[in-house]
Every structure is written in C-alpha cells, then in structure tokens.
Amino acid sequence: MEEQILNCLQLIISKYGNDLAIQVEQVFRNETKHFKSGGFIETLSPGMEAFKEFQPYGWFVVDKFWKENPNYAPAGIIIKKENSSGMMESRGDRRFLKFPNLEASFMTVAYILNSRGGDGGSWFSVTDATQRKKYNDFLKQIKPRFVNQLINNK
C-alpha cells in the first residue's frame, strides 16, 4: 500500500504542489492512525462521513469534481464505528464514504483542501477559526514522511 500512497502523493505534488501534498498526508495520517485504522483499510478514506444518502453525500464542495471525474467518486457508504483522532473521541457508528481506490480518495481530499485555500484545518472545521487553528497546530506535529521522501528523491 505504501507504493500506492506514494504514487497518489506524487500525483498531488504534480497537480497542486508540495504544500498541499503535505497537508493531505498529514490529514490522512491523523485521521487514519498513519494508514493503519480499520476504517481506512475498509473505506480508503480519512473518515469522510456521509451526511446525505446519495452523491454528493453532503459534500457539496466536491460534487462538481466528482461529476467531472467520475472515477474519483465514492463507491458507496459503509457504516463503521468512528475512530478517535488526535482531536476528538469516537461518536459511535457513522456512515462513511467508501472509495474505489486510493487515488480517488487522495485526489478528492486534495481537491477539497485546495478549494479551501490549502487549509488542512478546514478538514476539522470549515466555520470555526479557533478549531481550524487547533487542528493545524496538531497537524504540524505530524511528519509528512512520504512527501518528504518524494521531495528529497527529486
């Protein structure tokens, strides 16, 4: 799986640049226990909760992206117990988006963060600046090992 993650991050670097790729890796690492959580393995997602039944599942910021790139759209919904992250405890069973492959998930997250000005903190809260800052401060503690490897191998 590591090689697939590296390929996805290289694609993000090529399309959006190093800084956004770092944000994407940090969000994934935080939300998936460094790519090892059961939720990630089953959904390939960093905990993208489905708030509505059908696409865009409440994720309206990415609806146009999925329509233009149907290969990146989620394959459906899975009900899973939410993992605890560095910012909050589990809230029990939740409905999460399941992606067909890692590239779809990574490119979706990159698109979302890019549309929000490259703000990784917006993954935790779009509206609360204090929570965004807190999340960004937390993300800064996470080493983007894969992106660093890609940057240093150029």
N, C-alpha and C. Protein backbone atom coordinates (compact mmCIF):
# COMPACT_ATOMS: atom_id res chain seq x y z
N MET A 1 0.83 -1.19 0.00
CA MET A 1 0.00 0.00 0.00
C MET A 1 0.87 1.26 0.00
N GLU A 2 2.06 1.16 0.58
CA GLU A 2 2.93 2.33 0.64
C GLU A 2 3.24 2.88 -0.74
N GLU A 3 3.50 1.98 -1.69
CA GLU A 3 3.81 2.44 -3.05
C GLU A 3 2.61 3.16 -3.67
N GLN A 4 1.41 2.67 -3.42
CA GLN A 4 0.21 3.33 -3.93
C GLN A 4 0.04 4.71 -3.32
N ILE A 5 0.31 4.83 -2.02
CA ILE A 5 0.21 6.12 -1.34
C ILE A 5 1.24 7.09 -1.94
N LEU A 6 2.45 6.62 -2.15
CA LEU A 6 3.49 7.46 -2.75
C LEU A 6 3.07 7.93 -4.14
N ASN A 7 2.48 7.04 -4.93
CA ASN A 7 2.02 7.42 -6.27
C ASN A 7 0.93 8.48 -6.20
N CYS A 8 0.02 8.34 -5.25
CA CYS A 8 -1.05 9.33 -5.09
C CYS A 8 -0.49 10.69 -4.69
N LEU A 9 0.44 10.67 -3.76
CA LEU A 9 1.03 11.93 -3.30
C LEU A 9 1.86 12.58 -4.40
N GLN A 10 2.52 11.78 -5.23
CA GLN A 10 3.27 12.33 -6.37
C GLN A 10 2.31 13.01 -7.34
N LEU A 11 1.16 12.40 -7.56
CA LEU A 11 0.15 12.99 -8.42
C LEU A 11 -0.33 14.34 -7.86
N ILE A 12 -0.52 14.38 -6.55
CA ILE A 12 -0.95 15.62 -5.89
C ILE A 12 0.14 16.69 -6.00
N ILE A 13 1.39 16.29 -5.79
CA ILE A 13 2.51 17.24 -5.94
C ILE A 13 2.50 17.82 -7.35
N SER A 14 2.32 16.96 -8.34
CA SER A 14 2.33 17.41 -9.74
C SER A 14 1.20 18.37 -10.04
N LYS A 15 0.03 18.12 -9.45
CA LYS A 15 -1.15 18.94 -9.75
C LYS A 15 -1.27 20.17 -8.86
N TYR A 16 -0.96 20.02 -7.56
CA TYR A 16 -1.23 21.08 -6.59
C TYR A 16 0.01 21.63 -5.87
N GLY A 17 1.12 20.91 -5.94
CA GLY A 17 2.35 21.37 -5.27
C GLY A 17 2.63 20.67 -3.96
N ASN A 18 3.85 20.91 -3.46
CA ASN A 18 4.33 20.24 -2.26
C ASN A 18 3.51 20.58 -1.02
N ASP A 19 3.18 21.85 -0.85
CA ASP A 19 2.50 22.27 0.39
C ASP A 19 1.15 21.58 0.56
N LEU A 20 0.39 21.48 -0.52
CA LEU A 20 -0.90 20.82 -0.40
C LEU A 20 -0.71 19.32 -0.18
N ALA A 21 0.27 18.72 -0.84
CA ALA A 21 0.53 17.30 -0.63
C ALA A 21 0.89 17.02 0.83
N ILE A 22 1.63 17.93 1.44
CA ILE A 22 1.96 17.78 2.86
C ILE A 22 0.69 17.81 3.70
N GLN A 23 -0.18 18.77 3.41
CA GLN A 23 -1.44 18.87 4.16
C GLN A 23 -2.26 17.59 4.00
N VAL A 24 -2.35 17.07 2.79
CA VAL A 24 -3.12 15.85 2.54
C VAL A 24 -2.54 14.69 3.33
N GLU A 25 -1.23 14.51 3.26
CA GLU A 25 -0.61 13.41 4.01
C GLU A 25 -0.85 13.56 5.50
N GLN A 26 -0.70 14.76 6.02
CA GLN A 26 -0.91 14.97 7.46
C GLN A 26 -2.35 14.68 7.87
N VAL A 27 -3.32 15.10 7.07
CA VAL A 27 -4.73 14.81 7.37
C VAL A 27 -4.95 13.30 7.36
N PHE A 28 -4.47 12.64 6.32
CA PHE A 28 -4.64 11.18 6.26
C PHE A 28 -3.98 10.50 7.45
N ARG A 29 -2.75 10.89 7.76
CA ARG A 29 -2.05 10.25 8.87
C ARG A 29 -2.82 10.44 10.19
N ASN A 30 -3.32 11.63 10.42
CA ASN A 30 -4.06 11.89 11.65
C ASN A 30 -5.36 11.10 11.69
N GLU A 31 -6.10 11.15 10.62
CA GLU A 31 -7.44 10.57 10.61
C GLU A 31 -7.46 9.05 10.43
N THR A 32 -6.33 8.46 10.04
CA THR A 32 -6.30 7.02 9.77
C THR A 32 -5.29 6.26 10.63
N LYS A 33 -4.81 6.90 11.68
CA LYS A 33 -3.76 6.30 12.52
C LYS A 33 -2.59 5.84 11.64
N HIS A 34 -2.13 6.76 10.83
CA HIS A 34 -0.99 6.54 9.93
C HIS A 34 -1.27 5.39 8.95
N PHE A 35 -2.46 5.42 8.36
CA PHE A 35 -2.87 4.48 7.32
C PHE A 35 -3.09 3.05 7.82
N LYS A 36 -3.35 2.90 9.12
CA LYS A 36 -3.49 1.56 9.69
C LYS A 36 -4.85 1.28 10.30
N SER A 37 -5.71 2.28 10.40
CA SER A 37 -7.00 2.05 11.05
C SER A 37 -7.89 1.13 10.21
N GLY A 38 -8.73 0.40 10.89
CA GLY A 38 -9.67 -0.47 10.20
C GLY A 38 -10.58 0.30 9.28
N GLY A 39 -11.01 1.50 9.72
CA GLY A 39 -11.86 2.33 8.89
C GLY A 39 -11.19 2.71 7.59
N PHE A 40 -9.92 3.07 7.66
CA PHE A 40 -9.19 3.43 6.44
C PHE A 40 -9.04 2.23 5.52
N ILE A 41 -8.66 1.11 6.08
CA ILE A 41 -8.44 -0.08 5.26
C ILE A 41 -9.73 -0.48 4.55
N GLU A 42 -10.85 -0.31 5.21
CA GLU A 42 -12.13 -0.69 4.61
C GLU A 42 -12.69 0.36 3.64
N THR A 43 -12.43 1.66 3.91
CA THR A 43 -13.04 2.72 3.09
C THR A 43 -12.05 3.45 2.19
N LEU A 44 -10.77 3.37 2.50
CA LEU A 44 -9.70 4.12 1.83
C LEU A 44 -9.87 5.62 2.01
N SER A 45 -10.58 6.01 3.04
CA SER A 45 -10.93 7.41 3.29
C SER A 45 -10.38 7.86 4.63
N PRO A 46 -10.08 9.17 4.75
CA PRO A 46 -9.69 9.71 6.05
C PRO A 46 -10.93 10.11 6.86
N GLY A 47 -11.90 9.22 6.92
CA GLY A 47 -13.08 9.47 7.74
C GLY A 47 -14.06 10.45 7.14
N MET A 48 -14.35 10.33 5.86
CA MET A 48 -15.31 11.23 5.22
C MET A 48 -16.72 10.71 5.50
N GLU A 49 -17.38 11.39 6.41
CA GLU A 49 -18.71 10.98 6.81
C GLU A 49 -19.75 11.37 5.76
N ALA A 50 -20.67 10.46 5.48
CA ALA A 50 -21.78 10.74 4.56
C ALA A 50 -22.91 11.38 5.36
N PHE A 51 -23.23 12.62 5.01
CA PHE A 51 -24.28 13.34 5.72
C PHE A 51 -25.62 13.23 5.01
N LYS A 52 -25.59 12.79 3.76
CA LYS A 52 -26.80 12.58 2.95
C LYS A 52 -26.70 11.19 2.34
N GLU A 53 -27.80 10.71 1.83
CA GLU A 53 -27.88 9.34 1.31
C GLU A 53 -27.17 9.16 -0.03
N PHE A 54 -27.26 10.15 -0.92
CA PHE A 54 -26.73 9.99 -2.27
C PHE A 54 -25.70 11.07 -2.59
N GLN A 55 -24.87 10.77 -3.60
CA GLN A 55 -23.83 11.70 -4.02
C GLN A 55 -24.44 13.07 -4.26
N PRO A 56 -23.83 14.10 -3.70
CA PRO A 56 -22.51 14.20 -3.12
C PRO A 56 -22.43 13.87 -1.62
N TYR A 57 -23.42 13.19 -1.07
CA TYR A 57 -23.40 12.72 0.32
C TYR A 57 -23.24 13.84 1.34
N GLY A 58 -23.61 15.05 0.96
CA GLY A 58 -23.45 16.20 1.84
C GLY A 58 -22.15 16.96 1.60
N TRP A 59 -21.29 16.46 0.75
CA TRP A 59 -20.01 17.09 0.44
C TRP A 59 -20.17 17.93 -0.84
N PHE A 60 -20.91 19.00 -0.76
CA PHE A 60 -21.24 19.78 -1.95
C PHE A 60 -20.03 20.45 -2.58
N VAL A 61 -18.99 20.74 -1.80
CA VAL A 61 -17.80 21.39 -2.34
C VAL A 61 -17.13 20.51 -3.40
N VAL A 62 -17.36 19.22 -3.37
CA VAL A 62 -16.67 18.30 -4.27
C VAL A 62 -17.62 17.69 -5.33
N ASP A 63 -18.87 18.07 -5.32
CA ASP A 63 -19.84 17.50 -6.25
C ASP A 63 -19.42 17.70 -7.70
N LYS A 64 -19.05 18.92 -8.08
CA LYS A 64 -18.63 19.20 -9.45
C LYS A 64 -17.38 18.38 -9.81
N PHE A 65 -16.45 18.27 -8.88
CA PHE A 65 -15.23 17.50 -9.10
C PHE A 65 -15.57 16.04 -9.41
N TRP A 66 -16.47 15.45 -8.63
CA TRP A 66 -16.86 14.06 -8.87
C TRP A 66 -17.60 13.90 -10.18
N LYS A 67 -18.41 14.88 -10.55
CA LYS A 67 -19.13 14.79 -11.83
C LYS A 67 -18.16 14.88 -13.00
N GLU A 68 -17.13 15.72 -12.87
CA GLU A 68 -16.13 15.86 -13.92
C GLU A 68 -15.11 14.72 -13.91
N ASN A 69 -14.98 14.06 -12.77
CA ASN A 69 -14.03 12.96 -12.60
C ASN A 69 -14.75 11.78 -11.94
N PRO A 70 -15.64 11.11 -12.66
CA PRO A 70 -16.44 10.05 -12.03
C PRO A 70 -15.61 8.89 -11.47
N ASN A 71 -14.39 8.73 -11.99
CA ASN A 71 -13.51 7.68 -11.47
C ASN A 71 -13.02 8.00 -10.05
N TYR A 72 -13.19 9.25 -9.60
CA TYR A 72 -12.80 9.65 -8.25
C TYR A 72 -13.98 9.68 -7.28
N ALA A 73 -15.17 9.44 -7.77
CA ALA A 73 -16.36 9.48 -6.91
C ALA A 73 -16.38 8.27 -5.98
N PRO A 74 -16.96 8.43 -4.81
CA PRO A 74 -17.08 7.30 -3.88
C PRO A 74 -17.86 6.14 -4.50
N ALA A 75 -17.56 4.94 -4.02
CA ALA A 75 -18.24 3.74 -4.50
C ALA A 75 -19.47 3.44 -3.65
N GLY A 76 -19.68 4.18 -2.58
CA GLY A 76 -20.83 3.94 -1.72
C GLY A 76 -20.56 4.35 -0.29
N ILE A 77 -21.35 3.80 0.61
CA ILE A 77 -21.30 4.13 2.03
C ILE A 77 -21.12 2.86 2.85
N ILE A 78 -20.35 2.97 3.91
CA ILE A 78 -20.15 1.87 4.86
C ILE A 78 -20.47 2.40 6.26
N ILE A 79 -21.13 1.62 7.05
CA ILE A 79 -21.39 2.00 8.44
C ILE A 79 -20.28 1.41 9.30
N LYS A 80 -19.57 2.29 9.99
CA LYS A 80 -18.43 1.90 10.84
C LYS A 80 -18.47 2.69 12.12
N LYS A 81 -17.86 2.12 13.16
CA LYS A 81 -17.64 2.87 14.38
C LYS A 81 -16.55 3.87 14.09
N GLU A 82 -16.79 5.13 14.43
CA GLU A 82 -15.82 6.19 14.19
C GLU A 82 -14.60 5.98 15.08
N ASN A 83 -13.42 6.09 14.47
CA ASN A 83 -12.17 6.03 15.24
C ASN A 83 -11.97 7.34 15.98
N SER A 84 -11.25 7.28 17.06
CA SER A 84 -10.83 8.50 17.74
C SER A 84 -9.66 9.08 16.97
N SER A 85 -9.61 10.41 16.86
CA SER A 85 -8.47 11.05 16.23
C SER A 85 -7.73 11.83 17.31
N GLY A 86 -6.71 12.54 16.91
CA GLY A 86 -5.98 13.34 17.86
C GLY A 86 -6.79 14.52 18.39
N MET A 87 -7.92 14.79 17.77
CA MET A 87 -8.71 15.96 18.14
C MET A 87 -10.01 15.61 18.86
N MET A 88 -10.52 14.39 18.69
CA MET A 88 -11.79 14.08 19.34
C MET A 88 -11.96 12.58 19.50
N GLU A 89 -12.83 12.23 20.42
CA GLU A 89 -13.14 10.83 20.67
C GLU A 89 -14.22 10.36 19.70
N SER A 90 -14.35 9.06 19.59
CA SER A 90 -15.35 8.46 18.71
C SER A 90 -16.76 8.85 19.15
N ARG A 91 -17.62 9.02 18.14
CA ARG A 91 -19.04 9.29 18.41
C ARG A 91 -19.89 8.07 18.07
N GLY A 92 -19.29 6.90 17.97
CA GLY A 92 -20.03 5.67 17.70
C GLY A 92 -20.19 5.38 16.22
N ASP A 93 -21.24 4.65 15.87
CA ASP A 93 -21.47 4.27 14.47
C ASP A 93 -21.75 5.48 13.61
N ARG A 94 -21.10 5.51 12.46
CA ARG A 94 -21.25 6.59 11.49
C ARG A 94 -21.27 6.00 10.09
N ARG A 95 -21.76 6.78 9.16
CA ARG A 95 -21.82 6.39 7.76
C ARG A 95 -20.67 7.07 7.02
N PHE A 96 -19.74 6.27 6.52
CA PHE A 96 -18.56 6.81 5.87
C PHE A 96 -18.54 6.47 4.38
N LEU A 97 -17.95 7.39 3.62
CA LEU A 97 -17.78 7.16 2.19
C LEU A 97 -16.71 6.10 1.97
N LYS A 98 -16.97 5.21 1.04
CA LYS A 98 -16.01 4.19 0.63
C LYS A 98 -15.58 4.54 -0.79
N PHE A 99 -14.26 4.59 -0.99
CA PHE A 99 -13.73 4.94 -2.30
C PHE A 99 -13.28 3.69 -3.05
N PRO A 100 -13.32 3.75 -4.39
CA PRO A 100 -12.94 2.58 -5.18
C PRO A 100 -11.44 2.28 -5.14
N ASN A 101 -10.64 3.30 -4.86
CA ASN A 101 -9.19 3.11 -4.80
C ASN A 101 -8.56 4.30 -4.07
N LEU A 102 -7.29 4.17 -3.77
CA LEU A 102 -6.59 5.24 -3.04
C LEU A 102 -6.50 6.53 -3.83
N GLU A 103 -6.28 6.43 -5.11
CA GLU A 103 -6.16 7.66 -5.91
C GLU A 103 -7.43 8.49 -5.83
N ALA A 104 -8.57 7.83 -5.90
CA ALA A 104 -9.84 8.55 -5.81
C ALA A 104 -9.97 9.29 -4.49
N SER A 105 -9.61 8.62 -3.42
CA SER A 105 -9.70 9.23 -2.10
C SER A 105 -8.70 10.38 -1.94
N PHE A 106 -7.46 10.14 -2.30
CA PHE A 106 -6.43 11.17 -2.15
C PHE A 106 -6.73 12.40 -3.00
N MET A 107 -7.15 12.17 -4.25
CA MET A 107 -7.43 13.30 -5.13
C MET A 107 -8.67 14.08 -4.66
N THR A 108 -9.63 13.37 -4.08
CA THR A 108 -10.80 14.05 -3.52
C THR A 108 -10.40 14.94 -2.36
N VAL A 109 -9.59 14.43 -1.46
CA VAL A 109 -9.15 15.22 -0.30
C VAL A 109 -8.30 16.40 -0.77
N ALA A 110 -7.43 16.17 -1.74
CA ALA A 110 -6.61 17.26 -2.28
C ALA A 110 -7.50 18.34 -2.88
N TYR A 111 -8.51 17.95 -3.63
CA TYR A 111 -9.42 18.92 -4.23
C TYR A 111 -10.14 19.72 -3.15
N ILE A 112 -10.63 19.04 -2.13
CA ILE A 112 -11.34 19.73 -1.05
C ILE A 112 -10.43 20.72 -0.35
N LEU A 113 -9.25 20.28 0.05
CA LEU A 113 -8.33 21.19 0.76
C LEU A 113 -7.90 22.35 -0.15
N ASN A 114 -7.65 22.07 -1.42
CA ASN A 114 -7.27 23.13 -2.34
C ASN A 114 -8.41 24.15 -2.48
N SER A 115 -9.63 23.66 -2.55
CA SER A 115 -10.78 24.58 -2.69
C SER A 115 -10.97 25.43 -1.43
N ARG A 116 -10.37 25.00 -0.34
CA ARG A 116 -10.44 25.75 0.91
C ARG A 116 -9.13 26.49 1.19
N GLY A 117 -8.41 26.80 0.14
CA GLY A 117 -7.20 27.59 0.27
C GLY A 117 -6.01 26.83 0.81
N GLY A 118 -6.02 25.51 0.72
CA GLY A 118 -4.90 24.71 1.22
C GLY A 118 -4.85 24.65 2.73
N ASP A 119 -5.99 24.86 3.37
CA ASP A 119 -6.07 24.89 4.84
C ASP A 119 -6.43 23.52 5.39
N GLY A 120 -5.43 22.78 5.86
CA GLY A 120 -5.68 21.47 6.45
C GLY A 120 -6.62 21.53 7.63
N GLY A 121 -6.61 22.63 8.35
CA GLY A 121 -7.50 22.79 9.49
C GLY A 121 -8.96 22.79 9.12
N SER A 122 -9.25 23.11 7.85
CA SER A 122 -10.64 23.10 7.40
C SER A 122 -11.20 21.68 7.36
N TRP A 123 -10.32 20.67 7.42
CA TRP A 123 -10.81 19.30 7.48
C TRP A 123 -11.59 19.07 8.77
N PHE A 124 -11.16 19.75 9.83
CA PHE A 124 -11.82 19.60 11.13
C PHE A 124 -12.99 20.56 11.30
N SER A 125 -12.83 21.79 10.81
CA SER A 125 -13.91 22.76 10.91
C SER A 125 -13.77 23.80 9.80
N VAL A 126 -14.83 23.96 9.05
CA VAL A 126 -14.84 24.96 7.98
C VAL A 126 -15.17 26.33 8.57
N THR A 127 -15.98 26.37 9.59
CA THR A 127 -16.53 27.63 10.09
C THR A 127 -15.86 28.19 11.34
N ASP A 128 -15.21 27.35 12.13
CA ASP A 128 -14.66 27.80 13.42
C ASP A 128 -13.14 28.00 13.30
N ALA A 129 -12.72 29.25 13.23
CA ALA A 129 -11.29 29.57 13.05
C ALA A 129 -10.43 29.04 14.19
N THR A 130 -10.96 29.04 15.40
CA THR A 130 -10.21 28.54 16.56
C THR A 130 -9.95 27.04 16.42
N GLN A 131 -10.96 26.30 15.99
CA GLN A 131 -10.80 24.86 15.80
C GLN A 131 -9.88 24.55 14.62
N ARG A 132 -9.97 25.34 13.56
CA ARG A 132 -9.06 25.16 12.43
C ARG A 132 -7.62 25.36 12.87
N LYS A 133 -7.37 26.41 13.64
CA LYS A 133 -6.00 26.67 14.11
C LYS A 133 -5.51 25.53 14.99
N LYS A 134 -6.37 25.07 15.88
CA LYS A 134 -6.00 23.98 16.77
C LYS A 134 -5.65 22.73 15.96
N TYR A 135 -6.46 22.44 14.95
CA TYR A 135 -6.20 21.27 14.11
C TYR A 135 -4.91 21.46 13.31
N ASN A 136 -4.71 22.65 12.74
CA ASN A 136 -3.47 22.92 12.01
C ASN A 136 -2.25 22.79 12.91
N ASP A 137 -2.35 23.29 14.14
CA ASP A 137 -1.24 23.14 15.08
C ASP A 137 -0.95 21.66 15.36
N PHE A 138 -2.01 20.88 15.47
CA PHE A 138 -1.85 19.44 15.68
C PHE A 138 -1.20 18.79 14.45
N LEU A 139 -1.67 19.16 13.24
CA LEU A 139 -1.11 18.58 12.02
C LEU A 139 0.38 18.88 11.88
N LYS A 140 0.80 20.06 12.30
CA LYS A 140 2.21 20.45 12.17
C LYS A 140 3.13 19.50 12.93
N GLN A 141 2.61 18.78 13.91
CA GLN A 141 3.40 17.83 14.68
C GLN A 141 3.60 16.50 13.95
N ILE A 142 2.85 16.30 12.86
CA ILE A 142 2.88 15.04 12.11
C ILE A 142 3.85 15.18 10.95
N LYS A 143 4.86 14.33 10.92
CA LYS A 143 5.84 14.38 9.83
C LYS A 143 5.23 13.79 8.56
N PRO A 144 5.29 14.55 7.46
CA PRO A 144 4.80 14.03 6.18
C PRO A 144 5.91 13.18 5.53
N ARG A 145 6.15 12.02 6.11
CA ARG A 145 7.28 11.18 5.73
C ARG A 145 7.28 10.85 4.24
N PHE A 146 6.11 10.54 3.68
CA PHE A 146 6.05 10.15 2.27
C PHE A 146 6.34 11.34 1.36
N VAL A 147 5.75 12.48 1.64
CA VAL A 147 6.01 13.66 0.80
C VAL A 147 7.47 14.07 0.93
N ASN A 148 8.00 14.05 2.14
CA ASN A 148 9.43 14.37 2.31
C ASN A 148 10.29 13.44 1.48
N GLN A 149 9.94 12.16 1.46
CA GLN A 149 10.70 11.18 0.66
C GLN A 149 10.63 11.53 -0.82
N LEU A 150 9.45 11.89 -1.29
CA LEU A 150 9.29 12.24 -2.71
C LEU A 150 10.06 13.52 -3.05
N ILE A 151 10.00 14.51 -2.18
CA ILE A 151 10.69 15.78 -2.43
C ILE A 151 12.20 15.57 -2.42
N ASN A 152 12.69 14.79 -1.47
CA ASN A 152 14.13 14.59 -1.34
C ASN A 152 14.71 13.68 -2.41
N ASN A 153 13.86 12.89 -3.09
CA ASN A 153 14.35 12.00 -4.15
C ASN A 153 14.37 12.64 -5.52
N LYS A 154 13.99 13.93 -5.60
CA LYS A 154 13.98 14.61 -6.91
C LYS A 154 15.36 15.00 -7.33
